[in-house]
Amino acid sequence: MHIFYSYKAANQLVKLDKTNQVRIAEKMKFFARQSNPLLFSKYITTRNLHCLRVGSYRIYLKLGEYILHVTTIERRDKAYKK
């Protein structure tokens, strides 16, 4: 399975410190290697997206046939205020 970062998610990832960038990238590679990556996620009905937790960050994504489409990367304290 491939990982695709939206323009917004790529910009959010670049703004993070190097440690968190690597941590999120490695975790996304782990999820992509799984036969069903959504087993690790929580479905958020208000956003119609799945949410993965990586430390204090929340990664929102959609699952395509062969693609994990990352739409947003947010800190936990900001992710739940919407």
PDB file of N, CA and C in Angstrom:
ATOM      1  N   MET A   1       0.844  -1.179   0.000  1.00  0.00           N
ATOM      2  CA  MET A   1       0.000   0.000   0.000  1.00  0.00           C
ATOM      3  C   MET A   1       0.890   1.243   0.000  1.00  0.00           C
ATOM      4  N   HIS A   2       0.482   2.252  -0.736  1.00  0.00           N
ATOM      5  CA  HIS A   2       1.242   3.497  -0.844  1.00  0.00           C
ATOM      6  C   HIS A   2       0.654   4.556   0.087  1.00  0.00           C
ATOM      7  N   ILE A   3       1.469   5.529   0.423  1.00  0.00           N
ATOM      8  CA  ILE A   3       1.038   6.642   1.279  1.00  0.00           C
ATOM      9  C   ILE A   3       1.066   7.914   0.438  1.00  0.00           C
ATOM     10  N   PHE A   4      -0.033   8.645   0.466  1.00  0.00           N
ATOM     11  CA  PHE A   4      -0.112   9.927  -0.240  1.00  0.00           C
ATOM     12  C   PHE A   4      -0.466  10.998   0.773  1.00  0.00           C
ATOM     13  N   TYR A   5       0.348  12.055   0.829  1.00  0.00           N
ATOM     14  CA  TYR A   5       0.087  13.194   1.715  1.00  0.00           C
ATOM     15  C   TYR A   5      -0.534  14.311   0.896  1.00  0.00           C
ATOM     16  N   SER A   6      -1.666  14.829   1.349  1.00  0.00           N
ATOM     17  CA  SER A   6      -2.261  15.986   0.687  1.00  0.00           C
ATOM     18  C   SER A   6      -1.317  17.176   0.849  1.00  0.00           C
ATOM     19  N   TYR A   7      -1.544  18.203   0.088  1.00  0.00           N
ATOM     20  CA  TYR A   7      -0.718  19.415   0.174  1.00  0.00           C
ATOM     21  C   TYR A   7      -0.743  19.962   1.601  1.00  0.00           C
ATOM     22  N   LYS A   8      -1.921  19.995   2.187  1.00  0.00           N
ATOM     23  CA  LYS A   8      -2.078  20.505   3.559  1.00  0.00           C
ATOM     24  C   LYS A   8      -1.301  19.640   4.549  1.00  0.00           C
ATOM     25  N   ALA A   9      -1.444  18.320   4.450  1.00  0.00           N
ATOM     26  CA  ALA A   9      -0.757  17.407   5.372  1.00  0.00           C
ATOM     27  C   ALA A   9       0.757  17.480   5.198  1.00  0.00           C
ATOM     28  N   ALA A  10       1.228  17.600   3.965  1.00  0.00           N
ATOM     29  CA  ALA A  10       2.671  17.705   3.713  1.00  0.00           C
ATOM     30  C   ALA A  10       3.226  18.974   4.345  1.00  0.00           C
ATOM     31  N   ASN A  11       2.510  20.074   4.225  1.00  0.00           N
ATOM     32  CA  ASN A  11       2.947  21.332   4.851  1.00  0.00           C
ATOM     33  C   ASN A  11       2.944  21.230   6.370  1.00  0.00           C
ATOM     34  N   GLN A  12       1.939  20.575   6.928  1.00  0.00           N
ATOM     35  CA  GLN A  12       1.884  20.405   8.375  1.00  0.00           C
ATOM     36  C   GLN A  12       3.028  19.519   8.864  1.00  0.00           C
ATOM     37  N   LEU A  13       3.366  18.495   8.091  1.00  0.00           N
ATOM     38  CA  LEU A  13       4.464  17.602   8.464  1.00  0.00           C
ATOM     39  C   LEU A  13       5.805  18.321   8.420  1.00  0.00           C
ATOM     40  N   VAL A  14       6.019  19.142   7.412  1.00  0.00           N
ATOM     41  CA  VAL A  14       7.284  19.874   7.260  1.00  0.00           C
ATOM     42  C   VAL A  14       7.498  20.868   8.394  1.00  0.00           C
ATOM     43  N   LYS A  15       6.424  21.414   8.935  1.00  0.00           N
ATOM     44  CA  LYS A  15       6.535  22.402  10.009  1.00  0.00           C
ATOM     45  C   LYS A  15       6.879  21.795  11.362  1.00  0.00           C
ATOM     46  N   LEU A  16       6.757  20.478  11.492  1.00  0.00           N
ATOM     47  CA  LEU A  16       7.073  19.814  12.754  1.00  0.00           C
ATOM     48  C   LEU A  16       8.581  19.683  12.931  1.00  0.00           C
ATOM     49  N   ASP A  17       8.997  19.463  14.179  1.00  0.00           N
ATOM     50  CA  ASP A  17      10.415  19.228  14.428  1.00  0.00           C
ATOM     51  C   ASP A  17      10.812  17.877  13.825  1.00  0.00           C
ATOM     52  N   LYS A  18      12.095  17.703  13.576  1.00  0.00           N
ATOM     53  CA  LYS A  18      12.615  16.530  12.879  1.00  0.00           C
ATOM     54  C   LYS A  18      12.230  15.220  13.571  1.00  0.00           C
ATOM     55  N   THR A  19      12.268  15.195  14.885  1.00  0.00           N
ATOM     56  CA  THR A  19      11.932  13.981  15.626  1.00  0.00           C
ATOM     57  C   THR A  19      10.512  13.525  15.332  1.00  0.00           C
ATOM     58  N   ASN A  20       9.564  14.452  15.378  1.00  0.00           N
ATOM     59  CA  ASN A  20       8.168  14.101  15.112  1.00  0.00           C
ATOM     60  C   ASN A  20       7.939  13.775  13.643  1.00  0.00           C
ATOM     61  N   GLN A  21       8.658  14.438  12.752  1.00  0.00           N
ATOM     62  CA  GLN A  21       8.545  14.110  11.328  1.00  0.00           C
ATOM     63  C   GLN A  21       8.917  12.653  11.085  1.00  0.00           C
ATOM     64  N   VAL A  22      10.054  12.248  11.628  1.00  0.00           N
ATOM     65  CA  VAL A  22      10.527  10.872  11.448  1.00  0.00           C
ATOM     66  C   VAL A  22       9.571   9.889  12.115  1.00  0.00           C
ATOM     67  N   ARG A  23       9.120  10.219  13.307  1.00  0.00           N
ATOM     68  CA  ARG A  23       8.210   9.339  14.041  1.00  0.00           C
ATOM     69  C   ARG A  23       6.920   9.108  13.266  1.00  0.00           C
ATOM     70  N   ILE A  24       6.342  10.176  12.728  1.00  0.00           N
ATOM     71  CA  ILE A  24       5.095  10.060  11.970  1.00  0.00           C
ATOM     72  C   ILE A  24       5.326   9.296  10.668  1.00  0.00           C
ATOM     73  N   ALA A  25       6.417   9.605   9.968  1.00  0.00           N
ATOM     74  CA  ALA A  25       6.720   8.915   8.709  1.00  0.00           C
ATOM     75  C   ALA A  25       6.921   7.416   8.930  1.00  0.00           C
ATOM     76  N   GLU A  26       7.645   7.052   9.974  1.00  0.00           N
ATOM     77  CA  GLU A  26       7.873   5.631  10.268  1.00  0.00           C
ATOM     78  C   GLU A  26       6.571   4.929  10.646  1.00  0.00           C
ATOM     79  N   LYS A  27       5.725   5.595  11.411  1.00  0.00           N
ATOM     80  CA  LYS A  27       4.451   5.003  11.812  1.00  0.00           C
ATOM     81  C   LYS A  27       3.536   4.825  10.599  1.00  0.00           C
ATOM     82  N   MET A  28       3.554   5.785   9.688  1.00  0.00           N
ATOM     83  CA  MET A  28       2.735   5.660   8.480  1.00  0.00           C
ATOM     84  C   MET A  28       3.226   4.495   7.621  1.00  0.00           C
ATOM     85  N   LYS A  29       4.539   4.301   7.549  1.00  0.00           N
ATOM     86  CA  LYS A  29       5.072   3.150   6.807  1.00  0.00           C
ATOM     87  C   LYS A  29       4.620   1.845   7.452  1.00  0.00           C
ATOM     88  N   PHE A  30       4.612   1.809   8.789  1.00  0.00           N
ATOM     89  CA  PHE A  30       4.139   0.629   9.512  1.00  0.00           C
ATOM     90  C   PHE A  30       2.678   0.343   9.172  1.00  0.00           C
ATOM     91  N   PHE A  31       1.832   1.374   9.229  1.00  0.00           N
ATOM     92  CA  PHE A  31       0.412   1.188   8.935  1.00  0.00           C
ATOM     93  C   PHE A  31       0.212   0.734   7.491  1.00  0.00           C
ATOM     94  N   ALA A  32       0.989   1.270   6.568  1.00  0.00           N
ATOM     95  CA  ALA A  32       0.853   0.913   5.153  1.00  0.00           C
ATOM     96  C   ALA A  32       1.228  -0.548   4.900  1.00  0.00           C
ATOM     97  N   ARG A  33       2.113  -1.103   5.703  1.00  0.00           N
ATOM     98  CA  ARG A  33       2.522  -2.503   5.539  1.00  0.00           C
ATOM     99  C   ARG A  33       1.479  -3.485   6.062  1.00  0.00           C
ATOM    100  N   GLN A  34       0.533  -3.036   6.845  1.00  0.00           N
ATOM    101  CA  GLN A  34      -0.472  -3.919   7.424  1.00  0.00           C
ATOM    102  C   GLN A  34      -1.522  -4.297   6.383  1.00  0.00           C
ATOM    103  N   SER A  35      -2.098  -5.484   6.540  1.00  0.00           N
ATOM    104  CA  SER A  35      -3.129  -5.917   5.597  1.00  0.00           C
ATOM    105  C   SER A  35      -4.403  -5.074   5.737  1.00  0.00           C
ATOM    106  N   ASN A  36      -4.705  -4.629   6.950  1.00  0.00           N
ATOM    107  CA  ASN A  36      -5.857  -3.747   7.170  1.00  0.00           C
ATOM    108  C   ASN A  36      -5.443  -2.646   8.139  1.00  0.00           C
ATOM    109  N   PRO A  37      -4.914  -1.540   7.628  1.00  0.00           N
ATOM    110  CA  PRO A  37      -4.432  -0.475   8.517  1.00  0.00           C
ATOM    111  C   PRO A  37      -5.535   0.193   9.339  1.00  0.00           C
ATOM    112  N   LEU A  38      -6.781   0.042   8.929  1.00  0.00           N
ATOM    113  CA  LEU A  38      -7.867   0.690   9.657  1.00  0.00           C
ATOM    114  C   LEU A  38      -8.176  -0.004  10.981  1.00  0.00           C
ATOM    115  N   LEU A  39      -7.586  -1.160  11.232  1.00  0.00           N
ATOM    116  CA  LEU A  39      -7.741  -1.800  12.540  1.00  0.00           C
ATOM    117  C   LEU A  39      -7.120  -0.949  13.641  1.00  0.00           C
ATOM    118  N   PHE A  40      -6.164  -0.107  13.289  1.00  0.00           N
ATOM    119  CA  PHE A  40      -5.468   0.744  14.246  1.00  0.00           C
ATOM    120  C   PHE A  40      -6.113   2.120  14.370  1.00  0.00           C
ATOM    121  N   SER A  41      -7.160   2.375  13.603  1.00  0.00           N
ATOM    122  CA  SER A  41      -7.734   3.717  13.547  1.00  0.00           C
ATOM    123  C   SER A  41      -9.093   3.789  14.225  1.00  0.00           C
ATOM    124  N   LYS A  42      -9.509   5.015  14.406  1.00  0.00           N
ATOM    125  CA  LYS A  42     -10.831   5.296  14.938  1.00  0.00           C
ATOM    126  C   LYS A  42     -11.580   6.090  13.870  1.00  0.00           C
ATOM    127  N   TYR A  43     -12.817   5.718  13.602  1.00  0.00           N
ATOM    128  CA  TYR A  43     -13.605   6.429  12.595  1.00  0.00           C
ATOM    129  C   TYR A  43     -14.234   7.662  13.227  1.00  0.00           C
ATOM    130  N   ILE A  44     -14.013   8.811  12.611  1.00  0.00           N
ATOM    131  CA  ILE A  44     -14.559  10.077  13.097  1.00  0.00           C
ATOM    132  C   ILE A  44     -15.728  10.450  12.182  1.00  0.00           C
ATOM    133  N   THR A  45     -16.934  10.303  12.673  1.00  0.00           N
ATOM    134  CA  THR A  45     -18.106  10.516  11.829  1.00  0.00           C
ATOM    135  C   THR A  45     -18.284  11.975  11.430  1.00  0.00           C
ATOM    136  N   THR A  46     -17.911  12.908  12.302  1.00  0.00           N
ATOM    137  CA  THR A  46     -18.102  14.326  11.978  1.00  0.00           C
ATOM    138  C   THR A  46     -17.210  14.776  10.831  1.00  0.00           C
ATOM    139  N   ARG A  47     -16.088  14.102  10.628  1.00  0.00           N
ATOM    140  CA  ARG A  47     -15.172  14.449   9.533  1.00  0.00           C
ATOM    141  C   ARG A  47     -15.223  13.439   8.394  1.00  0.00           C
ATOM    142  N   ASN A  48     -15.896  12.320   8.610  1.00  0.00           N
ATOM    143  CA  ASN A  48     -15.966  11.247   7.628  1.00  0.00           C
ATOM    144  C   ASN A  48     -14.563  10.748   7.254  1.00  0.00           C
ATOM    145  N   LEU A  49     -13.700  10.666   8.266  1.00  0.00           N
ATOM    146  CA  LEU A  49     -12.316  10.234   8.092  1.00  0.00           C
ATOM    147  C   LEU A  49     -11.935   9.263   9.197  1.00  0.00           C
ATOM    148  N   HIS A  50     -10.845   8.568   8.987  1.00  0.00           N
ATOM    149  CA  HIS A  50     -10.266   7.728  10.027  1.00  0.00           C
ATOM    150  C   HIS A  50      -9.134   8.504  10.696  1.00  0.00           C
ATOM    151  N   CYS A  51      -8.916   8.235  11.968  1.00  0.00           N
ATOM    152  CA  CYS A  51      -7.909   8.951  12.734  1.00  0.00           C
ATOM    153  C   CYS A  51      -6.933   7.965  13.352  1.00  0.00           C
ATOM    154  N   LEU A  52      -5.643   8.217  13.152  1.00  0.00           N
ATOM    155  CA  LEU A  52      -4.587   7.426  13.769  1.00  0.00           C
ATOM    156  C   LEU A  52      -3.873   8.296  14.783  1.00  0.00           C
ATOM    157  N   ARG A  53      -3.431   7.686  15.851  1.00  0.00           N
ATOM    158  CA  ARG A  53      -2.725   8.421  16.893  1.00  0.00           C
ATOM    159  C   ARG A  53      -1.245   8.086  16.825  1.00  0.00           C
ATOM    160  N   VAL A  54      -0.428   9.134  16.770  1.00  0.00           N
ATOM    161  CA  VAL A  54       1.027   8.984  16.838  1.00  0.00           C
ATOM    162  C   VAL A  54       1.508   9.993  17.872  1.00  0.00           C
ATOM    163  N   GLY A  55       1.739   9.523  19.090  1.00  0.00           N
ATOM    164  CA  GLY A  55       2.138  10.419  20.173  1.00  0.00           C
ATOM    165  C   GLY A  55       1.054  11.433  20.446  1.00  0.00           C
ATOM    166  N   SER A  56       1.405  12.700  20.440  1.00  0.00           N
ATOM    167  CA  SER A  56       0.433  13.757  20.693  1.00  0.00           C
ATOM    168  C   SER A  56      -0.158  14.309  19.397  1.00  0.00           C
ATOM    169  N   TYR A  57       0.046  13.606  18.298  1.00  0.00           N
ATOM    170  CA  TYR A  57      -0.484  14.037  17.003  1.00  0.00           C
ATOM    171  C   TYR A  57      -1.569  13.091  16.534  1.00  0.00           C
ATOM    172  N   ARG A  58      -2.520  13.648  15.817  1.00  0.00           N
ATOM    173  CA  ARG A  58      -3.597  12.875  15.216  1.00  0.00           C
ATOM    174  C   ARG A  58      -3.451  13.007  13.701  1.00  0.00           C
ATOM    175  N   ILE A  59      -3.522  11.875  13.025  1.00  0.00           N
ATOM    176  CA  ILE A  59      -3.376  11.837  11.574  1.00  0.00           C
ATOM    177  C   ILE A  59      -4.713  11.396  11.002  1.00  0.00           C
ATOM    178  N   TYR A  60      -5.317  12.260  10.205  1.00  0.00           N
ATOM    179  CA  TYR A  60      -6.606  11.959   9.598  1.00  0.00           C
ATOM    180  C   TYR A  60      -6.364  11.461   8.181  1.00  0.00           C
ATOM    181  N   LEU A  61      -7.060  10.365   7.832  1.00  0.00           N
ATOM    182  CA  LEU A  61      -6.822   9.780   6.514  1.00  0.00           C
ATOM    183  C   LEU A  61      -8.053   9.089   5.963  1.00  0.00           C
ATOM    184  N   LYS A  62      -7.979   8.865   4.655  1.00  0.00           N
ATOM    185  CA  LYS A  62      -8.965   8.066   3.941  1.00  0.00           C
ATOM    186  C   LYS A  62      -8.216   6.889   3.347  1.00  0.00           C
ATOM    187  N   LEU A  63      -8.898   5.783   3.234  1.00  0.00           N
ATOM    188  CA  LEU A  63      -8.281   4.592   2.669  1.00  0.00           C
ATOM    189  C   LEU A  63      -8.801   4.381   1.259  1.00  0.00           C
ATOM    190  N   GLY A  64      -7.880   4.378   0.292  1.00  0.00           N
ATOM    191  CA  GLY A  64      -8.228   4.041  -1.073  1.00  0.00           C
ATOM    192  C   GLY A  64      -7.951   2.574  -1.304  1.00  0.00           C
ATOM    193  N   GLU A  65      -8.066   2.122  -2.530  1.00  0.00           N
ATOM    194  CA  GLU A  65      -7.852   0.706  -2.816  1.00  0.00           C
ATOM    195  C   GLU A  65      -6.420   0.278  -2.505  1.00  0.00           C
ATOM    196  N   TYR A  66      -5.453   1.094  -2.910  1.00  0.00           N
ATOM    197  CA  TYR A  66      -4.049   0.789  -2.645  1.00  0.00           C
ATOM    198  C   TYR A  66      -3.306   1.973  -2.045  1.00  0.00           C
ATOM    199  N   ILE A  67      -4.047   2.952  -1.524  1.00  0.00           N
ATOM    200  CA  ILE A  67      -3.430   4.195  -1.049  1.00  0.00           C
ATOM    201  C   ILE A  67      -3.997   4.588   0.312  1.00  0.00           C
ATOM    202  N   LEU A  68      -3.105   4.981   1.215  1.00  0.00           N
ATOM    203  CA  LEU A  68      -3.499   5.674   2.436  1.00  0.00           C
ATOM    204  C   LEU A  68      -3.378   7.159   2.127  1.00  0.00           C
ATOM    205  N   HIS A  69      -4.483   7.855   2.061  1.00  0.00           N
ATOM    206  CA  HIS A  69      -4.489   9.278   1.712  1.00  0.00           C
ATOM    207  C   HIS A  69      -4.550  10.097   2.997  1.00  0.00           C
ATOM    208  N   VAL A  70      -3.409  10.679   3.390  1.00  0.00           N
ATOM    209  CA  VAL A  70      -3.324  11.485   4.604  1.00  0.00           C
ATOM    210  C   VAL A  70      -3.836  12.884   4.283  1.00  0.00           C
ATOM    211  N   THR A  71      -4.875  13.307   4.989  1.00  0.00           N
ATOM    212  CA  THR A  71      -5.471  14.619   4.705  1.00  0.00           C
ATOM    213  C   THR A  71      -4.995  15.701   5.659  1.00  0.00           C
ATOM    214  N   THR A  72      -4.790  15.358   6.939  1.00  0.00           N
ATOM    215  CA  THR A  72      -4.439  16.355   7.948  1.00  0.00           C
ATOM    216  C   THR A  72      -3.594  15.729   9.046  1.00  0.00           C
ATOM    217  N   ILE A  73      -2.653  16.518   9.570  1.00  0.00           N
ATOM    218  CA  ILE A  73      -1.857  16.126  10.734  1.00  0.00           C
ATOM    219  C   ILE A  73      -1.982  17.256  11.744  1.00  0.00           C
ATOM    220  N   GLU A  74      -2.526  16.961  12.920  1.00  0.00           N
ATOM    221  CA  GLU A  74      -2.760  18.005  13.922  1.00  0.00           C
ATOM    222  C   GLU A  74      -2.337  17.532  15.301  1.00  0.00           C
ATOM    223  N   ARG A  75      -1.969  18.484  16.144  1.00  0.00           N
ATOM    224  CA  ARG A  75      -1.714  18.167  17.553  1.00  0.00           C
ATOM    225  C   ARG A  75      -3.040  17.797  18.196  1.00  0.00           C
ATOM    226  N   ARG A  76      -2.962  16.953  19.177  1.00  0.00           N
ATOM    227  CA  ARG A  76      -4.165  16.461  19.845  1.00  0.00           C
ATOM    228  C   ARG A  76      -5.019  17.588  20.413  1.00  0.00           C
ATOM    229  N   ASP A  77      -4.398  18.566  21.046  1.00  0.00           N
ATOM    230  CA  ASP A  77      -5.165  19.643  21.675  1.00  0.00           C
ATOM    231  C   ASP A  77      -5.919  20.488  20.652  1.00  0.00           C
ATOM    232  N   LYS A  78      -5.451  20.580  19.434  1.00  0.00           N
ATOM    233  CA  LYS A  78      -6.147  21.341  18.392  1.00  0.00           C
ATOM    234  C   LYS A  78      -7.096  20.475  17.581  1.00  0.00           C
ATOM    235  N   ALA A  79      -6.813  19.185  17.505  1.00  0.00           N
ATOM    236  CA  ALA A  79      -7.614  18.285  16.666  1.00  0.00           C
ATOM    237  C   ALA A  79      -9.028  18.135  17.186  1.00  0.00           C
ATOM    238  N   TYR A  80      -9.221  18.160  18.490  1.00  0.00           N
ATOM    239  CA  TYR A  80     -10.537  17.897  19.062  1.00  0.00           C
ATOM    240  C   TYR A  80     -11.357  19.160  19.320  1.00  0.00           C
ATOM    241  N   LYS A  81     -10.830  20.317  18.981  1.00  0.00           N
ATOM    242  CA  LYS A  81     -11.571  21.563  19.202  1.00  0.00           C
ATOM    243  C   LYS A  81     -12.502  21.888  18.057  1.00  0.00           C
ATOM    244  N   LYS A  82     -12.435  21.125  16.981  1.00  0.00           N
ATOM    245  CA  LYS A  82     -13.277  21.424  15.806  1.00  0.00           C
ATOM    246  C   LYS A  82     -14.605  20.748  15.888  1.00  0.00           C
TER     247      LYS A  82
END
